[in-house]
Amino acid sequence: MKKIRKIFIFLFFILFLFNANLFAQNYEVKGAGTTDVNGIYVPDGKDKGKIKYVKGEYTLFYKGCHAKWMIKSPNGNFYRNRKDTKKPPETGWEKGCGKGSLNPAPTVVAVSEN
């Protein structure tokens, strides 16, 4: 019985280590001048060691250089945030240089999964 328990704990630990999305939250982007950017972003793997989030063609991700966090689409970078945080920051977003990027910049809040 102890052996089964140890195996279960080991498997849970391995699952936790290799599946970053297991306890990942969704994020809501709201208040953006480019209204198509607004909505719920869901976890979609990792990039540069941090979880990236998607909503259709839009991606909320950690870039790791001058603009740490970004919201982009294939058409360009819509919004950026220079905070170097583990998770997407709620405030401090700025308009990016992508075609169609409009003020105001959004806020990004963690939301529970439905």
N, C-alpha and C. Protein backbone atom coordinates (compact mmCIF):
# COMPACT_ATOMS: atom_id res chain seq x y z
N MET A 1 0.82 -1.19 0.00
CA MET A 1 0.00 0.00 0.00
C MET A 1 0.87 1.27 0.00
N LYS A 2 1.96 1.23 0.78
CA LYS A 2 2.86 2.38 0.83
C LYS A 2 3.52 2.60 -0.53
N LYS A 3 3.82 1.51 -1.22
CA LYS A 3 4.45 1.61 -2.53
C LYS A 3 3.51 2.29 -3.52
N ILE A 4 2.24 1.93 -3.50
CA ILE A 4 1.25 2.55 -4.39
C ILE A 4 1.11 4.03 -4.08
N ARG A 5 1.11 4.36 -2.81
CA ARG A 5 1.00 5.77 -2.42
C ARG A 5 2.22 6.56 -2.92
N LYS A 6 3.40 6.00 -2.77
CA LYS A 6 4.61 6.67 -3.24
C LYS A 6 4.58 6.85 -4.76
N ILE A 7 4.12 5.85 -5.46
CA ILE A 7 4.01 5.95 -6.92
C ILE A 7 3.02 7.04 -7.30
N PHE A 8 1.89 7.10 -6.62
CA PHE A 8 0.87 8.12 -6.89
C PHE A 8 1.44 9.52 -6.65
N ILE A 9 2.13 9.70 -5.54
CA ILE A 9 2.73 11.00 -5.23
C ILE A 9 3.77 11.37 -6.28
N PHE A 10 4.59 10.41 -6.67
CA PHE A 10 5.60 10.65 -7.69
C PHE A 10 4.97 11.06 -9.02
N LEU A 11 3.93 10.34 -9.43
CA LEU A 11 3.26 10.65 -10.70
C LEU A 11 2.60 12.02 -10.66
N PHE A 12 1.99 12.37 -9.54
CA PHE A 12 1.38 13.69 -9.40
C PHE A 12 2.45 14.77 -9.50
N PHE A 13 3.58 14.55 -8.86
CA PHE A 13 4.68 15.51 -8.90
C PHE A 13 5.19 15.70 -10.32
N ILE A 14 5.37 14.61 -11.04
CA ILE A 14 5.82 14.68 -12.43
C ILE A 14 4.80 15.41 -13.29
N LEU A 15 3.54 15.10 -13.12
CA LEU A 15 2.48 15.77 -13.86
C LEU A 15 2.50 17.27 -13.58
N PHE A 16 2.68 17.63 -12.34
CA PHE A 16 2.72 19.04 -11.96
C PHE A 16 3.91 19.75 -12.60
N LEU A 17 5.07 19.12 -12.59
CA LEU A 17 6.27 19.73 -13.17
C LEU A 17 6.17 19.94 -14.67
N PHE A 18 5.62 18.96 -15.37
CA PHE A 18 5.64 19.00 -16.82
C PHE A 18 4.37 19.57 -17.45
N ASN A 19 3.40 19.90 -16.65
CA ASN A 19 2.19 20.49 -17.19
C ASN A 19 1.94 21.82 -16.52
N ALA A 20 2.56 22.87 -17.04
CA ALA A 20 2.43 24.20 -16.45
C ALA A 20 1.00 24.69 -16.50
N ASN A 21 0.20 24.16 -17.41
CA ASN A 21 -1.17 24.62 -17.55
C ASN A 21 -2.13 23.99 -16.56
N LEU A 22 -1.65 23.05 -15.75
CA LEU A 22 -2.53 22.34 -14.83
C LEU A 22 -3.28 23.30 -13.92
N PHE A 23 -2.59 24.29 -13.39
CA PHE A 23 -3.21 25.24 -12.48
C PHE A 23 -3.21 26.65 -13.07
N ALA A 24 -3.06 26.76 -14.35
CA ALA A 24 -3.00 28.07 -15.00
C ALA A 24 -4.37 28.72 -14.98
N GLN A 25 -4.37 30.03 -14.90
CA GLN A 25 -5.60 30.80 -14.92
C GLN A 25 -5.85 31.34 -16.31
N ASN A 26 -7.07 31.72 -16.54
CA ASN A 26 -7.40 32.49 -17.73
C ASN A 26 -7.20 33.96 -17.39
N TYR A 27 -7.04 34.79 -18.42
CA TYR A 27 -6.91 36.23 -18.22
C TYR A 27 -7.91 36.94 -19.11
N GLU A 28 -8.51 38.00 -18.55
CA GLU A 28 -9.42 38.82 -19.34
C GLU A 28 -8.74 40.14 -19.66
N VAL A 29 -8.70 40.44 -20.94
CA VAL A 29 -8.20 41.73 -21.42
C VAL A 29 -9.44 42.58 -21.62
N LYS A 30 -9.46 43.76 -20.99
CA LYS A 30 -10.65 44.60 -21.13
C LYS A 30 -10.28 46.08 -21.18
N GLY A 31 -11.14 46.83 -21.85
CA GLY A 31 -10.95 48.26 -21.96
C GLY A 31 -10.01 48.71 -23.05
N ALA A 32 -9.57 47.81 -23.91
CA ALA A 32 -8.64 48.18 -24.98
C ALA A 32 -9.37 48.97 -26.07
N GLY A 33 -8.70 49.99 -26.60
CA GLY A 33 -9.26 50.75 -27.70
C GLY A 33 -9.47 49.90 -28.94
N THR A 34 -8.60 48.94 -29.15
CA THR A 34 -8.77 47.96 -30.22
C THR A 34 -9.65 46.86 -29.65
N THR A 35 -10.96 46.97 -29.85
CA THR A 35 -11.92 46.13 -29.13
C THR A 35 -11.79 44.64 -29.43
N ASP A 36 -11.28 44.27 -30.60
CA ASP A 36 -11.12 42.84 -30.90
C ASP A 36 -10.13 42.16 -29.96
N VAL A 37 -9.26 42.93 -29.35
CA VAL A 37 -8.27 42.39 -28.41
C VAL A 37 -8.94 41.97 -27.10
N ASN A 38 -10.03 42.64 -26.75
CA ASN A 38 -10.72 42.36 -25.49
C ASN A 38 -11.30 40.96 -25.47
N GLY A 39 -11.31 40.34 -24.29
CA GLY A 39 -11.90 39.02 -24.14
C GLY A 39 -11.07 38.13 -23.24
N ILE A 40 -11.45 36.86 -23.19
CA ILE A 40 -10.80 35.87 -22.33
C ILE A 40 -9.68 35.16 -23.08
N TYR A 41 -8.50 35.14 -22.48
CA TYR A 41 -7.33 34.46 -23.03
C TYR A 41 -7.08 33.20 -22.20
N VAL A 42 -6.83 32.10 -22.87
CA VAL A 42 -6.64 30.82 -22.19
C VAL A 42 -5.20 30.33 -22.36
N PRO A 43 -4.69 29.55 -21.40
CA PRO A 43 -3.32 29.04 -21.50
C PRO A 43 -3.10 28.22 -22.76
N ASP A 44 -1.92 28.39 -23.35
CA ASP A 44 -1.58 27.67 -24.58
C ASP A 44 -0.08 27.37 -24.61
N GLY A 45 0.38 26.59 -23.65
CA GLY A 45 1.79 26.23 -23.63
C GLY A 45 2.65 27.29 -22.98
N LYS A 46 3.95 27.17 -23.22
CA LYS A 46 4.92 28.09 -22.62
C LYS A 46 5.79 28.71 -23.70
N ASP A 47 6.30 29.90 -23.38
CA ASP A 47 7.25 30.60 -24.23
C ASP A 47 8.20 31.34 -23.30
N LYS A 48 9.48 31.14 -23.46
CA LYS A 48 10.50 31.76 -22.61
C LYS A 48 10.26 31.47 -21.13
N GLY A 49 9.77 30.26 -20.83
CA GLY A 49 9.58 29.84 -19.45
C GLY A 49 8.32 30.34 -18.78
N LYS A 50 7.48 31.06 -19.51
CA LYS A 50 6.24 31.58 -18.92
C LYS A 50 5.06 31.15 -19.79
N ILE A 51 3.92 30.99 -19.15
CA ILE A 51 2.73 30.54 -19.87
C ILE A 51 2.29 31.63 -20.84
N LYS A 52 1.94 31.23 -22.06
CA LYS A 52 1.37 32.17 -23.03
C LYS A 52 -0.13 31.88 -23.10
N TYR A 53 -0.88 32.88 -23.50
CA TYR A 53 -2.34 32.81 -23.51
C TYR A 53 -2.85 33.23 -24.89
N VAL A 54 -3.91 32.61 -25.34
CA VAL A 54 -4.45 32.94 -26.66
C VAL A 54 -5.95 33.20 -26.61
N LYS A 55 -6.38 34.01 -27.57
CA LYS A 55 -7.80 34.26 -27.84
C LYS A 55 -7.88 34.42 -29.36
N GLY A 56 -8.29 33.38 -30.04
CA GLY A 56 -8.32 33.43 -31.50
C GLY A 56 -6.94 33.70 -32.06
N GLU A 57 -6.81 34.76 -32.86
CA GLU A 57 -5.52 35.09 -33.46
C GLU A 57 -4.63 35.94 -32.55
N TYR A 58 -5.14 36.32 -31.38
CA TYR A 58 -4.39 37.18 -30.46
C TYR A 58 -3.65 36.35 -29.43
N THR A 59 -2.44 36.80 -29.08
CA THR A 59 -1.61 36.11 -28.10
C THR A 59 -1.14 37.10 -27.04
N LEU A 60 -1.27 36.70 -25.80
CA LEU A 60 -0.76 37.44 -24.65
C LEU A 60 0.45 36.63 -24.18
N PHE A 61 1.64 37.22 -24.27
CA PHE A 61 2.85 36.43 -24.00
C PHE A 61 3.97 37.29 -23.43
N TYR A 62 4.95 36.61 -22.85
CA TYR A 62 6.14 37.25 -22.31
C TYR A 62 7.21 37.27 -23.38
N LYS A 63 7.65 38.47 -23.75
CA LYS A 63 8.66 38.60 -24.80
C LYS A 63 10.07 38.55 -24.22
N GLY A 64 10.27 39.22 -23.10
CA GLY A 64 11.55 39.13 -22.42
C GLY A 64 12.58 40.18 -22.78
N CYS A 65 12.28 41.10 -23.69
CA CYS A 65 13.26 42.16 -23.96
C CYS A 65 12.65 43.49 -23.52
N HIS A 66 12.76 44.54 -24.32
CA HIS A 66 12.31 45.87 -23.90
C HIS A 66 10.86 45.89 -23.42
N ALA A 67 9.97 45.36 -24.20
CA ALA A 67 8.58 45.22 -23.78
C ALA A 67 8.44 43.81 -23.23
N LYS A 68 8.32 43.67 -21.95
CA LYS A 68 8.33 42.34 -21.34
C LYS A 68 7.11 41.52 -21.74
N TRP A 69 5.92 42.05 -21.55
CA TRP A 69 4.67 41.36 -21.91
C TRP A 69 4.05 42.04 -23.12
N MET A 70 3.45 41.26 -24.00
CA MET A 70 2.84 41.83 -25.20
C MET A 70 1.51 41.15 -25.51
N ILE A 71 0.66 41.88 -26.20
CA ILE A 71 -0.55 41.33 -26.80
C ILE A 71 -0.39 41.59 -28.29
N LYS A 72 -0.38 40.50 -29.07
CA LYS A 72 -0.13 40.66 -30.51
C LYS A 72 -1.05 39.76 -31.32
N SER A 73 -1.05 40.04 -32.60
CA SER A 73 -1.71 39.19 -33.59
C SER A 73 -0.74 39.10 -34.77
N PRO A 74 -1.09 38.35 -35.80
CA PRO A 74 -0.22 38.33 -36.98
C PRO A 74 -0.05 39.71 -37.62
N ASN A 75 -0.96 40.65 -37.31
CA ASN A 75 -0.89 41.99 -37.88
C ASN A 75 0.05 42.92 -37.13
N GLY A 76 0.55 42.50 -35.98
CA GLY A 76 1.48 43.34 -35.24
C GLY A 76 1.25 43.32 -33.75
N ASN A 77 2.04 44.15 -33.07
CA ASN A 77 1.98 44.24 -31.62
C ASN A 77 0.98 45.32 -31.22
N PHE A 78 -0.08 44.91 -30.53
CA PHE A 78 -1.13 45.85 -30.17
C PHE A 78 -0.84 46.58 -28.87
N TYR A 79 -0.42 45.85 -27.84
CA TYR A 79 -0.16 46.47 -26.54
C TYR A 79 1.07 45.82 -25.91
N ARG A 80 1.75 46.61 -25.05
CA ARG A 80 2.95 46.11 -24.39
C ARG A 80 2.95 46.58 -22.94
N ASN A 81 3.73 45.86 -22.14
CA ASN A 81 3.89 46.21 -20.74
C ASN A 81 5.34 45.93 -20.37
N ARG A 82 5.99 46.89 -19.78
CA ARG A 82 7.43 46.77 -19.49
C ARG A 82 7.73 46.12 -18.14
N LYS A 83 6.70 45.69 -17.42
CA LYS A 83 6.93 45.04 -16.12
C LYS A 83 7.45 43.62 -16.32
N ASP A 84 8.48 43.29 -15.57
CA ASP A 84 9.08 41.96 -15.64
C ASP A 84 8.48 41.11 -14.51
N THR A 85 7.33 40.50 -14.80
CA THR A 85 6.59 39.75 -13.79
C THR A 85 6.41 38.30 -14.23
N LYS A 86 6.10 37.44 -13.27
CA LYS A 86 5.90 36.03 -13.56
C LYS A 86 4.61 35.81 -14.36
N LYS A 87 3.59 36.60 -14.05
CA LYS A 87 2.30 36.50 -14.72
C LYS A 87 1.97 37.83 -15.38
N PRO A 88 1.04 37.85 -16.32
CA PRO A 88 0.70 39.12 -16.98
C PRO A 88 0.27 40.17 -15.96
N PRO A 89 0.86 41.37 -16.02
CA PRO A 89 0.49 42.42 -15.08
C PRO A 89 -0.89 43.00 -15.39
N GLU A 90 -1.56 43.47 -14.35
CA GLU A 90 -2.91 44.02 -14.52
C GLU A 90 -2.87 45.42 -15.13
N THR A 91 -1.97 46.25 -14.67
CA THR A 91 -1.91 47.64 -15.13
C THR A 91 -0.56 47.94 -15.76
N GLY A 92 -0.44 49.14 -16.33
CA GLY A 92 0.82 49.57 -16.92
C GLY A 92 0.94 49.26 -18.40
N TRP A 93 -0.15 48.88 -19.04
CA TRP A 93 -0.12 48.56 -20.46
C TRP A 93 -0.07 49.83 -21.29
N GLU A 94 0.61 49.76 -22.43
CA GLU A 94 0.74 50.88 -23.36
C GLU A 94 0.35 50.43 -24.76
N LYS A 95 -0.06 51.38 -25.57
CA LYS A 95 -0.36 51.11 -26.98
C LYS A 95 0.92 50.67 -27.67
N GLY A 96 0.84 49.63 -28.49
CA GLY A 96 1.98 49.15 -29.25
C GLY A 96 2.05 49.82 -30.62
N CYS A 97 2.90 49.29 -31.47
CA CYS A 97 3.12 49.90 -32.79
C CYS A 97 2.39 49.16 -33.91
N GLY A 98 1.56 48.20 -33.57
CA GLY A 98 0.85 47.44 -34.59
C GLY A 98 -0.22 48.26 -35.30
N LYS A 99 -0.42 47.97 -36.57
CA LYS A 99 -1.45 48.64 -37.35
C LYS A 99 -2.81 48.34 -36.71
N GLY A 100 -3.55 49.36 -36.39
CA GLY A 100 -4.85 49.18 -35.77
C GLY A 100 -4.83 49.23 -34.26
N SER A 101 -3.67 49.44 -33.67
CA SER A 101 -3.57 49.55 -32.21
C SER A 101 -4.08 50.92 -31.78
N LEU A 102 -5.09 50.93 -30.93
CA LEU A 102 -5.73 52.18 -30.52
C LEU A 102 -5.70 52.36 -29.01
N ASN A 103 -5.61 53.61 -28.57
CA ASN A 103 -5.78 53.93 -27.16
C ASN A 103 -7.26 53.87 -26.82
N PRO A 104 -7.62 53.58 -25.60
CA PRO A 104 -6.76 53.38 -24.44
C PRO A 104 -6.18 51.97 -24.40
N ALA A 105 -5.11 51.85 -23.63
CA ALA A 105 -4.51 50.53 -23.39
C ALA A 105 -5.41 49.77 -22.42
N PRO A 106 -5.37 48.44 -22.46
CA PRO A 106 -6.26 47.65 -21.61
C PRO A 106 -5.74 47.43 -20.20
N THR A 107 -6.59 46.81 -19.40
CA THR A 107 -6.16 46.17 -18.17
C THR A 107 -6.28 44.67 -18.40
N VAL A 108 -5.50 43.91 -17.66
CA VAL A 108 -5.48 42.45 -17.82
C VAL A 108 -5.69 41.85 -16.43
N VAL A 109 -6.79 41.12 -16.25
CA VAL A 109 -7.10 40.57 -14.94
C VAL A 109 -7.25 39.06 -14.99
N ALA A 110 -6.78 38.40 -13.94
CA ALA A 110 -6.94 36.94 -13.83
C ALA A 110 -8.40 36.63 -13.56
N VAL A 111 -8.91 35.62 -14.24
CA VAL A 111 -10.29 35.18 -14.02
C VAL A 111 -10.29 33.67 -13.85
N SER A 112 -11.28 33.18 -13.13
CA SER A 112 -11.37 31.73 -12.95
C SER A 112 -11.92 31.09 -14.20
N GLU A 113 -11.58 29.82 -14.39
CA GLU A 113 -12.08 29.09 -15.55
C GLU A 113 -13.55 28.77 -15.35
N ASN A 114 -14.32 28.83 -16.43
CA ASN A 114 -15.75 28.52 -16.34
C ASN A 114 -15.99 27.06 -16.56
